[in-house]
Amino acid sequence: MAHYKAADSKREQFRRYLEKSGVLDTLTKVLVTLYEEPEKPNSALDFLKHHLGAATPENPEIELLRLELAEMKEKYEAIVEENKKLKTKLAQYEPPQEEKRAE
């Protein structure tokens, strides 16, 4: 019987630890969110992983990389637009392909 009480005491300590660290609240919130989803996802585990990952504090390095990626996307779009304009401008000065073949 003493072994049973020791295990029970360890469980209670662990439960208090999870409660103090906010794990129980976070899990409860994510499970409630899943419960309230009108259309349940195919993979509840993927849903939990996604929502738990979003609940963790963001690594500053990841945020910097996201900002850099956004800047690079803007530069890329600007370069693509400039390339289109230059191709249009170049087409005005080059003879059509059919005229080149006839010469």
Protein backbone atom coordinates (compact mmCIF):
# COMPACT_ATOMS: atom_id res chain seq x y z
CA MET A 1 0.00 0.00 0.00
CA ALA A 2 2.93 2.37 0.68
CA HIS A 3 4.12 1.95 -2.90
CA TYR A 4 0.71 3.08 -4.16
CA LYS A 5 0.80 6.26 -2.05
CA ALA A 6 4.34 7.09 -3.21
CA ALA A 7 3.28 6.81 -6.86
CA ASP A 8 0.19 8.88 -6.13
CA SER A 9 2.32 11.54 -4.46
CA LYS A 10 4.66 11.67 -7.48
CA ARG A 11 1.67 12.08 -9.78
CA GLU A 12 0.35 14.93 -7.66
CA GLN A 13 3.75 16.65 -7.70
CA PHE A 14 3.95 16.25 -11.45
CA ARG A 15 0.42 17.62 -11.87
CA ARG A 16 1.30 20.68 -9.77
CA TYR A 17 4.48 21.14 -11.82
CA LEU A 18 2.47 21.09 -15.07
CA GLU A 19 -0.06 23.49 -13.61
CA LYS A 20 2.60 25.97 -12.38
CA SER A 21 4.43 25.95 -15.71
CA GLY A 22 1.23 26.68 -17.68
CA VAL A 23 1.22 23.39 -19.56
CA LEU A 24 -2.25 22.39 -18.37
CA ASP A 25 -3.76 25.75 -19.34
CA THR A 26 -2.13 25.66 -22.77
CA LEU A 27 -3.24 22.08 -23.47
CA THR A 28 -6.74 22.87 -22.27
CA LYS A 29 -6.98 25.92 -24.55
CA VAL A 30 -5.76 23.97 -27.58
CA LEU A 31 -8.13 21.07 -26.89
CA VAL A 32 -11.06 23.47 -26.45
CA THR A 33 -10.12 25.12 -29.76
CA LEU A 34 -10.13 21.70 -31.43
CA TYR A 35 -13.47 20.85 -29.80
CA GLU A 36 -15.00 24.09 -31.08
CA GLU A 37 -13.77 23.61 -34.66
CA PRO A 38 -16.87 23.30 -36.88
CA GLU A 39 -15.04 20.97 -39.27
CA LYS A 40 -12.69 18.64 -37.46
CA PRO A 41 -9.26 18.31 -39.10
CA ASN A 42 -8.22 14.97 -40.54
CA SER A 43 -5.29 14.81 -38.16
CA ALA A 44 -5.96 15.95 -34.62
CA LEU A 45 -2.29 15.44 -33.84
CA ASP A 46 -1.21 17.83 -36.61
CA PHE A 47 -3.77 20.34 -35.32
CA LEU A 48 -2.28 20.10 -31.83
CA LYS A 49 1.28 20.39 -33.13
CA HIS A 50 0.40 23.46 -35.16
CA HIS A 51 -1.42 25.22 -32.33
CA LEU A 52 1.11 24.28 -29.68
CA GLY A 53 3.94 25.45 -31.91
CA ALA A 54 2.20 28.79 -32.33
CA ALA A 55 1.85 29.10 -28.56
CA THR A 56 5.59 28.92 -27.90
CA PRO A 57 7.61 32.13 -27.76
CA GLU A 58 9.21 33.05 -31.09
CA ASN A 59 12.92 32.56 -31.50
CA PRO A 60 14.43 35.99 -32.36
CA GLU A 61 16.57 34.43 -35.09
CA ILE A 62 13.48 33.00 -36.78
CA GLU A 63 11.80 36.41 -36.70
CA LEU A 64 14.87 37.99 -38.32
CA LEU A 65 14.81 35.35 -41.03
CA ARG A 66 11.11 35.99 -41.66
CA LEU A 67 11.79 39.71 -42.05
CA GLU A 68 14.69 39.01 -44.41
CA LEU A 69 12.49 36.66 -46.43
CA ALA A 70 9.79 39.33 -46.75
CA GLU A 71 12.39 41.86 -47.94
CA MET A 72 13.78 39.40 -50.48
CA LYS A 73 10.28 38.67 -51.79
CA GLU A 74 9.68 42.41 -52.29
CA LYS A 75 13.00 42.79 -54.10
CA TYR A 76 12.22 39.77 -56.25
CA GLU A 77 8.82 41.16 -57.24
CA ALA A 78 10.40 44.52 -58.10
CA ILE A 79 13.05 42.83 -60.24
CA VAL A 80 10.45 40.72 -62.05
CA GLU A 81 8.44 43.86 -62.80
CA GLU A 82 11.54 45.69 -64.01
CA ASN A 83 12.44 42.71 -66.20
CA LYS A 84 8.99 42.81 -67.84
CA LYS A 85 9.34 46.53 -68.54
CA LEU A 86 12.82 46.09 -70.01
CA LYS A 87 11.64 43.22 -72.24
CA THR A 88 8.80 45.39 -73.51
CA LYS A 89 11.19 48.26 -74.16
CA LEU A 90 13.66 45.95 -75.92
CA ALA A 91 10.90 44.53 -78.11
CA GLN A 92 10.25 48.03 -79.45
CA TYR A 93 13.80 48.28 -80.81
CA GLU A 94 14.22 44.77 -82.15
CA PRO A 95 12.66 43.71 -85.41
CA PRO A 96 10.09 40.90 -85.16
CA GLN A 97 11.49 37.38 -85.42
CA GLU A 98 9.92 36.82 -88.88
CA GLU A 99 11.81 39.80 -90.40
CA LYS A 100 15.11 38.46 -89.07
CA ARG A 101 14.58 35.10 -90.80
CA ALA A 102 13.71 36.74 -94.12
CA GLU A 103 17.04 38.62 -94.22
